[in-house]
Amino acid sequence: MTLRFFGGVEGEVGGNQILLQDGETRVLLDFGYNFSKWREYFSFPTSMPRSLDEYFEVGLLPSELRDEETGRISGGLEGCFITHAHTDHWRGISALASQEEGGPTVYLGETAHRILMMRGERLRGCDSISHLWFETFRTGRKIRLGELEVVPFHVDHSIPGAYALLIHTTRGLIVYTGDLRLHGSYSRKMRRQFWETLEEPVEALICEGTNVGEVHTVLTEGDVRRLGERYVRASSGLVLVNLSPLDVDRLRTFHRIAEATDRRLVATSYFMEYLRALEGERLRLPSPEKGEVLEYREGEQEELRRDPSSYILLTAFYRWREIQEVRPPPGSVFILSTSEPFEEEAEIEFRRLMNWLNIYGIQATQIHTSGHAFPEDLRRLVRLIEPKRLIPVHTAHPSSFGKLVSDILAEKQIEFIEPKRGQTYEI
């Protein structure tokens, strides 16, 4: 039984591409792009890739898995498991061969599938996913593929429908965390965490480490709600909030803040698209159909101008256009409820946003908690699971991960493997 890592390693945060092989059975665990690397070669919308050849040429996709006949990735793969719908974990699936070409079935959570179908409608050319066959799952479903049995288990993350994978192999149990956190509102409501269900020793724990080696906040989602409500109450004008439309926890938090402060929640058409895509899921979302969230359309800003203190306006991705249209009065505030920009292009967009805020004298503050586990929680996770091998992924500082838990590794005699790109590790 072997593991081979093509992405999400050697300091890459995101872009996980993991090949697991047990005998003749081969599956992928996530298949995304590292978007920092993507932006080194391409840009949207002016310099998009014209073919899959360009993705392989720059190393965003592993040529080792490419089939010469189809030009796509098949290589005897029986399945590709997507842990959640953040693009750095799934965008590479466009390169997978169709089932007719011998390609794998793509397995993912039902909520993640809804998100992918909505986003996939916009993908064209070499980025299209319309040729793929999907099967969905929920927690506890046992998926048998050759020598493997894969059991997904729901975890808390900054997007709904995120899963860890418990993979039963001929050599024992492999646990892949995907992306997770232990401090969100959903994690506290879960009756059981996946590590509480483990009934056999864990041969290898493939664990995300996004916050390792970084300055991180210790705020929880509950803290965001308390601080956010205090800040909104202090505002005499319009409250603008920048957050990800996929962060359901954060959307619910500001819906509760709006109720507590007697304001109406207004979301852009972009937000409404996601809300409608997730209708019917058991997410307890503010419903756009019941009028719990108003829709803001470009050019329809008169009501917000007339009575700004009655509204909270949700925006995303450092958009400044709504700010310029609404022209918030003195006393308005801007809440950044996402991470700070960490790439040059995003920094430019953020600076552009700040310039518009400064024109209107709007002060900005950040009230946010990470979608990823705190380092102290990762220590607890490793100690509780006590794997025979620990393999860090999705971290800029894999060596620091080893040092973070070095006492636990020594005490429990756990082997630490810092994976290298393309290298095969036998379990």
Protein backbone atom coordinates (compact mmCIF):
# COMPACT_ATOMS: atom_id res chain seq x y z
CA MET A 1 0.00 0.00 0.00
CA THR A 2 1.52 3.32 -1.06
CA LEU A 3 0.88 7.06 -0.89
CA ARG A 4 2.16 9.53 -3.45
CA PHE A 5 1.79 13.31 -3.14
CA PHE A 6 1.62 15.61 -6.16
CA GLY A 7 0.28 18.78 -4.51
CA GLY A 8 -0.33 20.39 -1.13
CA VAL A 9 3.22 19.56 -0.01
CA GLU A 10 6.64 21.28 0.19
CA GLY A 11 5.13 24.43 1.66
CA GLU A 12 2.00 24.60 -0.50
CA VAL A 13 -1.19 25.65 1.25
CA GLY A 14 -3.89 24.12 -0.93
CA GLY A 15 -3.79 22.20 -4.16
CA ASN A 16 -3.92 18.80 -2.45
CA GLN A 17 -3.32 15.92 -4.89
CA ILE A 18 -2.77 12.57 -3.17
CA LEU A 19 -2.64 9.19 -4.89
CA LEU A 20 -3.38 6.15 -2.73
CA GLN A 21 -2.70 2.69 -4.16
CA ASP A 22 -3.57 -0.61 -2.51
CA GLY A 23 -2.70 -3.54 -4.75
CA GLU A 24 -4.36 -2.76 -8.08
CA THR A 25 -6.77 -0.22 -6.57
CA ARG A 26 -5.85 3.43 -7.15
CA VAL A 27 -7.78 6.46 -5.87
CA LEU A 28 -7.15 10.19 -5.59
CA LEU A 29 -7.70 12.03 -2.32
CA ASP A 30 -8.65 15.55 -3.43
CA PHE A 31 -7.44 16.97 -6.74
CA GLY A 32 -7.10 20.73 -6.68
CA TYR A 33 -4.75 23.50 -7.80
CA ASN A 34 -2.48 25.64 -5.72
CA PHE A 35 -3.79 29.03 -6.84
CA SER A 36 -0.68 30.97 -5.89
CA LYS A 37 1.15 28.84 -8.41
CA TRP A 38 -1.74 29.19 -10.90
CA ARG A 39 -1.36 32.97 -10.79
CA GLU A 40 2.35 32.71 -11.56
CA TYR A 41 1.40 31.60 -15.08
CA PHE A 42 -2.20 32.68 -15.72
CA SER A 43 -4.60 35.50 -14.90
CA PHE A 44 -8.35 35.98 -15.05
CA PRO A 45 -9.84 36.83 -17.47
CA THR A 46 -7.13 37.97 -19.89
CA SER A 47 -4.63 35.09 -19.83
CA MET A 48 -6.59 31.95 -19.12
CA PRO A 49 -5.13 28.56 -20.10
CA ARG A 50 -6.23 27.42 -23.53
CA SER A 51 -5.75 23.69 -23.03
CA LEU A 52 -4.89 21.08 -20.44
CA ASP A 53 -1.41 20.93 -22.00
CA GLU A 54 -0.59 24.25 -20.33
CA TYR A 55 -1.60 22.96 -16.89
CA PHE A 56 0.67 19.94 -17.30
CA GLU A 57 3.47 22.07 -18.75
CA VAL A 58 3.67 24.37 -15.71
CA GLY A 59 3.35 21.53 -13.19
CA LEU A 60 -0.14 22.24 -11.88
CA LEU A 61 -1.15 18.74 -12.97
CA PRO A 62 1.01 15.60 -12.62
CA SER A 63 2.20 14.36 -16.02
CA GLU A 64 2.93 10.99 -14.39
CA LEU A 65 -0.81 10.26 -14.29
CA ARG A 66 -1.63 11.48 -17.79
CA ASP A 67 -2.88 9.03 -20.39
CA GLU A 68 -1.15 9.60 -23.74
CA GLU A 69 -4.17 8.54 -25.76
CA THR A 70 -6.81 10.76 -24.14
CA GLY A 71 -4.50 13.53 -22.89
CA ARG A 72 -6.38 13.31 -19.58
CA ILE A 73 -5.75 11.66 -16.24
CA SER A 74 -7.03 8.12 -15.89
CA GLY A 75 -4.16 5.74 -15.10
CA GLY A 76 -6.41 2.97 -13.79
CA LEU A 77 -8.03 5.24 -11.19
CA GLU A 78 -11.20 3.83 -9.65
CA GLY A 79 -12.23 6.93 -7.76
CA CYS A 80 -11.45 10.53 -6.85
CA PHE A 81 -12.64 11.68 -3.42
CA ILE A 82 -13.23 15.41 -2.89
CA THR A 83 -13.32 16.36 0.80
CA HIS A 84 -15.05 19.73 0.32
CA ALA A 85 -15.95 22.36 -2.27
CA HIS A 86 -13.14 24.91 -1.84
CA THR A 87 -11.61 25.24 -5.29
CA ASP A 88 -8.06 24.43 -4.17
CA HIS A 89 -9.31 20.91 -3.44
CA TRP A 90 -11.28 20.16 -6.63
CA ARG A 91 -10.47 22.37 -9.62
CA GLY A 92 -8.00 19.82 -11.04
CA ILE A 93 -10.80 17.33 -11.70
CA SER A 94 -11.40 18.99 -15.07
CA ALA A 95 -8.35 17.02 -16.24
CA LEU A 96 -9.82 13.66 -15.27
CA ALA A 97 -10.93 11.37 -18.07
CA SER A 98 -14.62 10.61 -18.41
CA GLN A 99 -15.93 7.18 -17.49
CA GLU A 100 -16.19 6.38 -21.21
CA GLU A 101 -12.46 7.10 -21.47
CA GLY A 102 -11.66 4.92 -18.46
CA GLY A 103 -11.67 7.74 -15.92
CA PRO A 104 -12.77 7.55 -12.27
CA THR A 105 -16.05 8.30 -10.54
CA VAL A 106 -15.82 11.51 -8.49
CA TYR A 107 -17.13 11.02 -4.93
CA LEU A 108 -18.11 14.01 -2.78
CA GLY A 109 -20.65 15.19 -0.22
CA GLU A 110 -24.14 16.12 -1.36
CA THR A 111 -23.71 19.77 -0.37
CA ALA A 112 -20.32 19.97 -2.10
CA HIS A 113 -21.92 18.53 -5.22
CA ARG A 114 -24.52 21.30 -5.27
CA ILE A 115 -21.78 23.91 -5.04
CA LEU A 116 -19.70 22.28 -7.77
CA MET A 117 -22.68 22.04 -10.12
CA MET A 118 -23.45 25.73 -9.62
CA ARG A 119 -19.84 26.80 -10.15
CA GLY A 120 -19.27 24.27 -12.90
CA GLU A 121 -21.88 25.95 -15.06
CA ARG A 122 -19.44 28.83 -15.55
CA LEU A 123 -16.45 26.64 -16.43
CA ARG A 124 -15.67 26.31 -20.11
CA GLY A 125 -13.06 24.69 -22.33
CA CYS A 126 -10.28 22.86 -20.51
CA ASP A 127 -11.79 23.85 -17.13
CA SER A 128 -15.15 22.20 -17.79
CA ILE A 129 -16.31 19.39 -15.48
CA SER A 130 -19.44 18.50 -17.46
CA HIS A 131 -17.90 15.24 -18.75
CA LEU A 132 -17.46 13.73 -15.27
CA TRP A 133 -19.62 11.26 -13.36
CA PHE A 134 -20.36 12.15 -9.73
CA GLU A 135 -21.63 10.12 -6.79
CA THR A 136 -22.57 11.80 -3.53
CA PHE A 137 -22.31 10.68 0.07
CA ARG A 138 -23.09 11.65 3.62
CA THR A 139 -21.44 10.67 6.89
CA GLY A 140 -21.13 6.94 7.44
CA ARG A 141 -21.70 5.70 3.90
CA LYS A 142 -19.27 2.88 3.13
CA ILE A 143 -17.81 3.11 -0.37
CA ARG A 144 -16.12 -0.07 -1.54
CA LEU A 145 -13.54 0.21 -4.33
CA GLY A 146 -11.43 -2.89 -4.92
CA GLU A 147 -9.24 -3.39 -1.87
CA LEU A 148 -10.43 -0.18 -0.21
CA GLU A 149 -13.39 0.82 1.91
CA VAL A 150 -13.74 4.59 2.29
CA VAL A 151 -15.99 6.03 5.00
CA PRO A 152 -16.60 9.83 4.98
CA PHE A 153 -17.18 11.65 8.27
CA HIS A 154 -18.43 15.23 8.52
CA VAL A 155 -16.03 17.83 9.95
CA ASP A 156 -16.35 21.51 10.75
CA HIS A 157 -14.78 23.91 8.23
CA SER A 158 -15.56 27.33 6.77
CA ILE A 159 -17.76 25.75 4.10
CA PRO A 160 -20.65 23.30 4.47
CA GLY A 161 -20.30 19.68 3.40
CA ALA A 162 -16.67 19.15 4.48
CA TYR A 163 -15.48 15.63 5.31
CA ALA A 164 -12.59 13.65 6.68
CA LEU A 165 -11.98 10.28 5.03
CA LEU A 166 -11.47 7.05 6.98
CA ILE A 167 -9.84 4.66 4.52
CA HIS A 168 -9.67 0.97 5.36
CA THR A 169 -6.84 -0.67 3.40
CA THR A 170 -5.20 -4.10 3.38
CA ARG A 171 -2.46 -2.59 5.61
CA GLY A 172 -4.80 -0.93 8.06
CA LEU A 173 -6.59 2.38 8.55
CA ILE A 174 -5.53 5.62 6.84
CA VAL A 175 -7.13 8.87 8.08
CA TYR A 176 -7.19 11.98 5.88
CA THR A 177 -8.51 15.06 7.69
CA GLY A 178 -9.18 17.23 4.65
CA ASP A 179 -9.54 20.79 6.00
CA LEU A 180 -11.08 21.10 9.45
CA ARG A 181 -11.33 23.13 12.62
CA LEU A 182 -12.41 22.36 16.18
CA HIS A 183 -13.46 25.87 17.26
CA GLY A 184 -16.42 26.59 14.96
CA SER A 185 -20.07 26.56 15.99
CA TYR A 186 -20.77 23.33 14.08
CA SER A 187 -17.96 21.37 15.72
CA ARG A 188 -19.49 21.98 19.13
CA LYS A 189 -22.86 20.66 17.99
CA MET A 190 -21.51 17.41 16.56
CA ARG A 191 -22.46 14.46 18.72
CA ARG A 192 -19.31 12.55 17.77
CA GLN A 193 -16.06 13.53 16.12
CA PHE A 194 -14.50 11.15 13.63
CA TRP A 195 -11.64 10.13 15.94
CA GLU A 196 -14.20 8.96 18.50
CA THR A 197 -15.41 6.33 16.03
CA LEU A 198 -12.02 4.75 15.33
CA GLU A 199 -11.95 1.10 16.36
CA GLU A 200 -8.56 0.08 14.99
CA PRO A 201 -5.03 1.52 15.06
CA VAL A 202 -4.32 4.28 12.54
CA GLU A 203 -1.44 3.41 10.25
CA ALA A 204 -1.12 6.95 8.88
CA LEU A 205 -2.73 10.32 9.64
CA ILE A 206 -2.62 12.75 6.70
CA CYS A 207 -3.31 16.02 8.48
CA GLU A 208 -3.78 19.61 7.36
CA GLY A 209 -1.63 22.25 9.09
CA THR A 210 -2.67 25.60 7.62
CA ASN A 211 -2.18 27.63 10.82
CA VAL A 212 1.13 26.02 11.83
CA GLY A 213 3.96 28.57 11.76
CA GLU A 214 1.56 31.48 11.20
CA VAL A 215 0.18 34.20 13.44
CA HIS A 216 -3.38 33.08 14.14
CA THR A 217 -6.32 34.47 16.04
CA VAL A 218 -7.82 32.54 18.93
CA LEU A 219 -11.32 33.90 18.32
CA THR A 220 -14.14 31.40 17.97
CA GLU A 221 -17.33 31.85 15.94
CA GLY A 222 -19.07 32.82 19.16
CA ASP A 223 -16.48 35.56 19.69
CA VAL A 224 -17.13 36.85 16.16
CA ARG A 225 -20.81 37.13 16.97
CA ARG A 226 -20.25 39.00 20.26
CA LEU A 227 -17.66 41.41 18.84
CA GLY A 228 -19.61 41.89 15.63
CA GLU A 229 -22.81 42.77 17.48
CA ARG A 230 -20.97 45.30 19.66
CA TYR A 231 -19.43 46.93 16.58
CA VAL A 232 -22.74 47.06 14.69
CA ARG A 233 -24.53 48.64 17.66
CA ALA A 234 -21.89 51.37 17.76
CA SER A 235 -22.50 52.31 14.11
CA SER A 236 -24.96 55.08 13.26
CA GLY A 237 -24.70 54.46 9.51
CA LEU A 238 -24.49 51.56 7.10
CA VAL A 239 -22.62 48.41 8.13
CA LEU A 240 -20.71 46.72 5.30
CA VAL A 241 -19.39 43.18 5.85
CA ASN A 242 -16.95 41.36 3.59
CA LEU A 243 -17.20 37.56 3.93
CA SER A 244 -17.13 34.44 1.78
CA PRO A 245 -20.57 33.50 0.42
CA LEU A 246 -19.64 29.87 1.11
CA ASP A 247 -18.99 30.46 4.83
CA VAL A 248 -22.38 29.37 6.12
CA ASP A 249 -21.37 29.75 9.77
CA ARG A 250 -20.40 33.37 9.22
CA LEU A 251 -23.56 34.12 7.25
CA ARG A 252 -25.68 32.76 10.10
CA THR A 253 -23.61 34.78 12.58
CA PHE A 254 -24.36 38.07 10.83
CA HIS A 255 -27.99 37.12 10.33
CA ARG A 256 -28.26 36.77 14.13
CA ILE A 257 -26.41 40.06 14.57
CA ALA A 258 -28.88 41.73 12.20
CA GLU A 259 -31.82 40.37 14.22
CA ALA A 260 -30.26 41.47 17.53
CA THR A 261 -29.53 45.00 16.28
CA ASP A 262 -32.83 45.50 14.44
CA ARG A 263 -31.22 45.76 11.02
CA ARG A 264 -32.10 44.08 7.72
CA LEU A 265 -29.52 41.83 6.06
CA VAL A 266 -28.89 42.72 2.42
CA ALA A 267 -26.83 40.47 0.15
CA THR A 268 -25.61 40.98 -3.39
CA SER A 269 -26.92 38.84 -6.25
CA TYR A 270 -23.68 36.85 -5.97
CA PHE A 271 -24.60 35.82 -2.42
CA MET A 272 -28.17 34.98 -3.39
CA GLU A 273 -26.92 32.60 -6.04
CA TYR A 274 -25.17 30.52 -3.38
CA LEU A 275 -28.09 30.68 -0.96
CA ARG A 276 -30.47 29.37 -3.60
CA ALA A 277 -28.01 26.65 -4.63
CA LEU A 278 -27.97 25.39 -1.04
CA GLU A 279 -31.73 25.46 -0.51
CA GLY A 280 -33.04 22.17 0.78
CA GLU A 281 -29.82 21.35 2.64
CA ARG A 282 -30.01 21.03 6.41
CA LEU A 283 -27.94 24.15 7.01
CA ARG A 284 -30.47 26.45 8.74
CA LEU A 285 -29.60 29.25 6.34
CA PRO A 286 -31.42 32.59 6.29
CA SER A 287 -33.90 32.02 3.47
CA PRO A 288 -33.93 34.41 0.49
CA GLU A 289 -37.39 33.14 -0.47
CA LYS A 290 -38.92 34.00 2.92
CA GLY A 291 -37.51 37.50 2.80
CA GLU A 292 -35.03 36.96 5.62
CA VAL A 293 -32.30 38.26 3.30
CA LEU A 294 -32.95 41.11 0.89
CA GLU A 295 -31.26 41.11 -2.49
CA TYR A 296 -29.17 44.10 -3.50
CA ARG A 297 -29.01 44.60 -7.25
CA GLU A 298 -26.55 46.93 -8.90
CA GLY A 299 -28.20 50.30 -9.39
CA GLU A 300 -30.86 49.74 -6.69
CA GLN A 301 -29.21 51.63 -3.87
CA GLU A 302 -31.80 54.29 -3.04
CA GLU A 303 -33.28 52.54 0.02
CA LEU A 304 -29.83 51.95 1.51
CA ARG A 305 -29.00 55.63 0.94
CA ARG A 306 -32.29 56.76 2.47
CA ASP A 307 -32.07 54.70 5.67
CA PRO A 308 -28.53 53.26 5.98
CA SER A 309 -28.73 52.60 9.72
CA SER A 310 -31.38 49.93 9.10
CA TYR A 311 -29.16 47.67 7.00
CA ILE A 312 -26.13 45.37 6.96
CA LEU A 313 -24.78 44.96 3.43
CA LEU A 314 -22.84 41.76 2.67
CA THR A 315 -20.09 41.91 0.04
CA ALA A 316 -17.34 39.52 -1.06
CA PHE A 317 -13.86 39.42 -2.56
CA TYR A 318 -12.97 43.02 -1.72
CA ARG A 319 -15.64 44.42 -4.06
CA TRP A 320 -15.80 48.21 -3.97
CA ARG A 321 -18.59 48.86 -6.48
CA GLU A 322 -21.43 48.61 -3.93
CA ILE A 323 -19.60 51.06 -1.67
CA GLN A 324 -19.20 53.57 -4.47
CA GLU A 325 -22.89 53.22 -5.45
CA VAL A 326 -24.34 53.47 -1.95
CA ARG A 327 -21.99 56.26 -0.80
CA PRO A 328 -22.21 55.39 2.92
CA PRO A 329 -22.66 58.36 5.27
CA PRO A 330 -20.47 59.24 8.27
CA GLY A 331 -20.85 56.68 11.03
CA SER A 332 -20.77 53.76 8.61
CA VAL A 333 -18.32 50.91 9.26
CA PHE A 334 -16.67 48.13 7.27
CA ILE A 335 -16.07 44.69 8.83
CA LEU A 336 -13.57 42.38 7.17
CA SER A 337 -14.80 38.94 8.21
CA THR A 338 -12.33 36.93 6.14
CA SER A 339 -8.59 36.40 6.24
CA GLU A 340 -6.31 39.19 5.07
CA PRO A 341 -5.15 38.96 1.45
CA PHE A 342 -2.08 36.74 1.15
CA GLU A 343 -1.27 37.14 -2.55
CA GLU A 344 -0.06 40.15 -4.49
CA GLU A 345 -3.12 40.30 -6.74
CA ALA A 346 -5.51 40.13 -3.80
CA GLU A 347 -3.47 42.75 -1.96
CA ILE A 348 -3.93 45.13 -4.90
CA GLU A 349 -7.70 44.52 -4.86
CA PHE A 350 -7.80 45.04 -1.11
CA ARG A 351 -5.86 48.28 -1.35
CA ARG A 352 -8.30 49.45 -4.02
CA LEU A 353 -11.17 48.69 -1.64
CA MET A 354 -9.44 50.59 1.19
CA ASN A 355 -8.99 53.59 -1.08
CA TRP A 356 -12.75 53.77 -1.67
CA LEU A 357 -13.45 53.35 2.04
CA ASN A 358 -11.09 56.23 2.78
CA ILE A 359 -12.91 58.48 0.32
CA TYR A 360 -16.04 58.16 2.46
CA GLY A 361 -14.22 58.14 5.79
CA ILE A 362 -15.30 54.59 6.60
CA GLN A 363 -13.18 52.84 9.20
CA ALA A 364 -12.39 49.16 8.68
CA THR A 365 -11.90 46.46 11.29
CA GLN A 366 -11.30 42.72 11.08
CA ILE A 367 -13.54 40.35 13.04
CA HIS A 368 -12.77 36.82 11.91
CA THR A 369 -11.91 33.31 12.98
CA SER A 370 -10.03 30.78 10.90
CA GLY A 371 -11.63 27.92 9.02
CA HIS A 372 -8.63 25.77 9.97
CA ALA A 373 -7.58 24.07 13.20
CA PHE A 374 -5.52 26.00 15.71
CA PRO A 375 -2.03 24.52 16.33
CA GLU A 376 -3.00 23.61 19.89
CA ASP A 377 -5.95 21.64 18.51
CA LEU A 378 -3.67 19.83 16.06
CA ARG A 379 -1.56 18.70 19.03
CA ARG A 380 -4.71 17.36 20.69
CA LEU A 381 -5.75 15.62 17.46
CA VAL A 382 -2.42 13.84 17.07
CA ARG A 383 -2.42 12.74 20.70
CA LEU A 384 -5.99 11.44 20.53
CA ILE A 385 -5.56 9.54 17.26
CA GLU A 386 -2.04 8.31 18.05
CA PRO A 387 -1.19 7.25 14.47
CA LYS A 388 1.84 5.16 13.59
CA ARG A 389 2.78 7.80 11.02
CA LEU A 390 1.98 11.52 10.79
CA ILE A 391 2.05 13.18 7.35
CA PRO A 392 1.46 16.97 7.16
CA VAL A 393 -0.18 18.56 4.10
CA HIS A 394 -1.73 21.95 3.28
CA THR A 395 0.84 23.88 5.32
CA ALA A 396 3.51 26.45 4.52
CA HIS A 397 5.67 25.07 7.33
CA PRO A 398 5.69 21.25 7.30
CA SER A 399 8.92 21.03 9.32
CA SER A 400 7.41 23.26 12.01
CA PHE A 401 4.47 20.87 12.21
CA GLY A 402 6.91 18.14 13.23
CA LYS A 403 8.49 20.38 15.87
CA LEU A 404 5.04 21.43 17.14
CA VAL A 405 4.26 17.83 18.09
CA SER A 406 7.80 16.52 18.60
CA ASP A 407 7.17 15.60 22.24
CA ILE A 408 4.06 13.62 21.28
CA LEU A 409 5.94 11.91 18.43
CA ALA A 410 8.65 10.80 20.87
CA GLU A 411 6.24 9.74 23.60
CA LYS A 412 3.96 7.74 21.29
CA GLN A 413 6.75 6.58 18.94
CA ILE A 414 5.07 8.13 15.91
CA GLU A 415 7.03 8.36 12.65
CA PHE A 416 6.93 11.84 11.08
CA ILE A 417 6.99 11.91 7.27
CA GLU A 418 7.47 15.25 5.51
CA PRO A 419 6.27 14.33 2.02
CA LYS A 420 8.10 15.38 -1.14
CA ARG A 421 6.37 16.01 -4.43
CA GLY A 422 6.09 12.91 -6.60
CA GLN A 423 7.78 10.62 -4.08
CA THR A 424 6.16 7.29 -3.18
CA TYR A 425 5.80 6.26 0.49
CA GLU A 426 5.08 2.66 1.43
CA ILE A 427 2.78 2.07 4.38
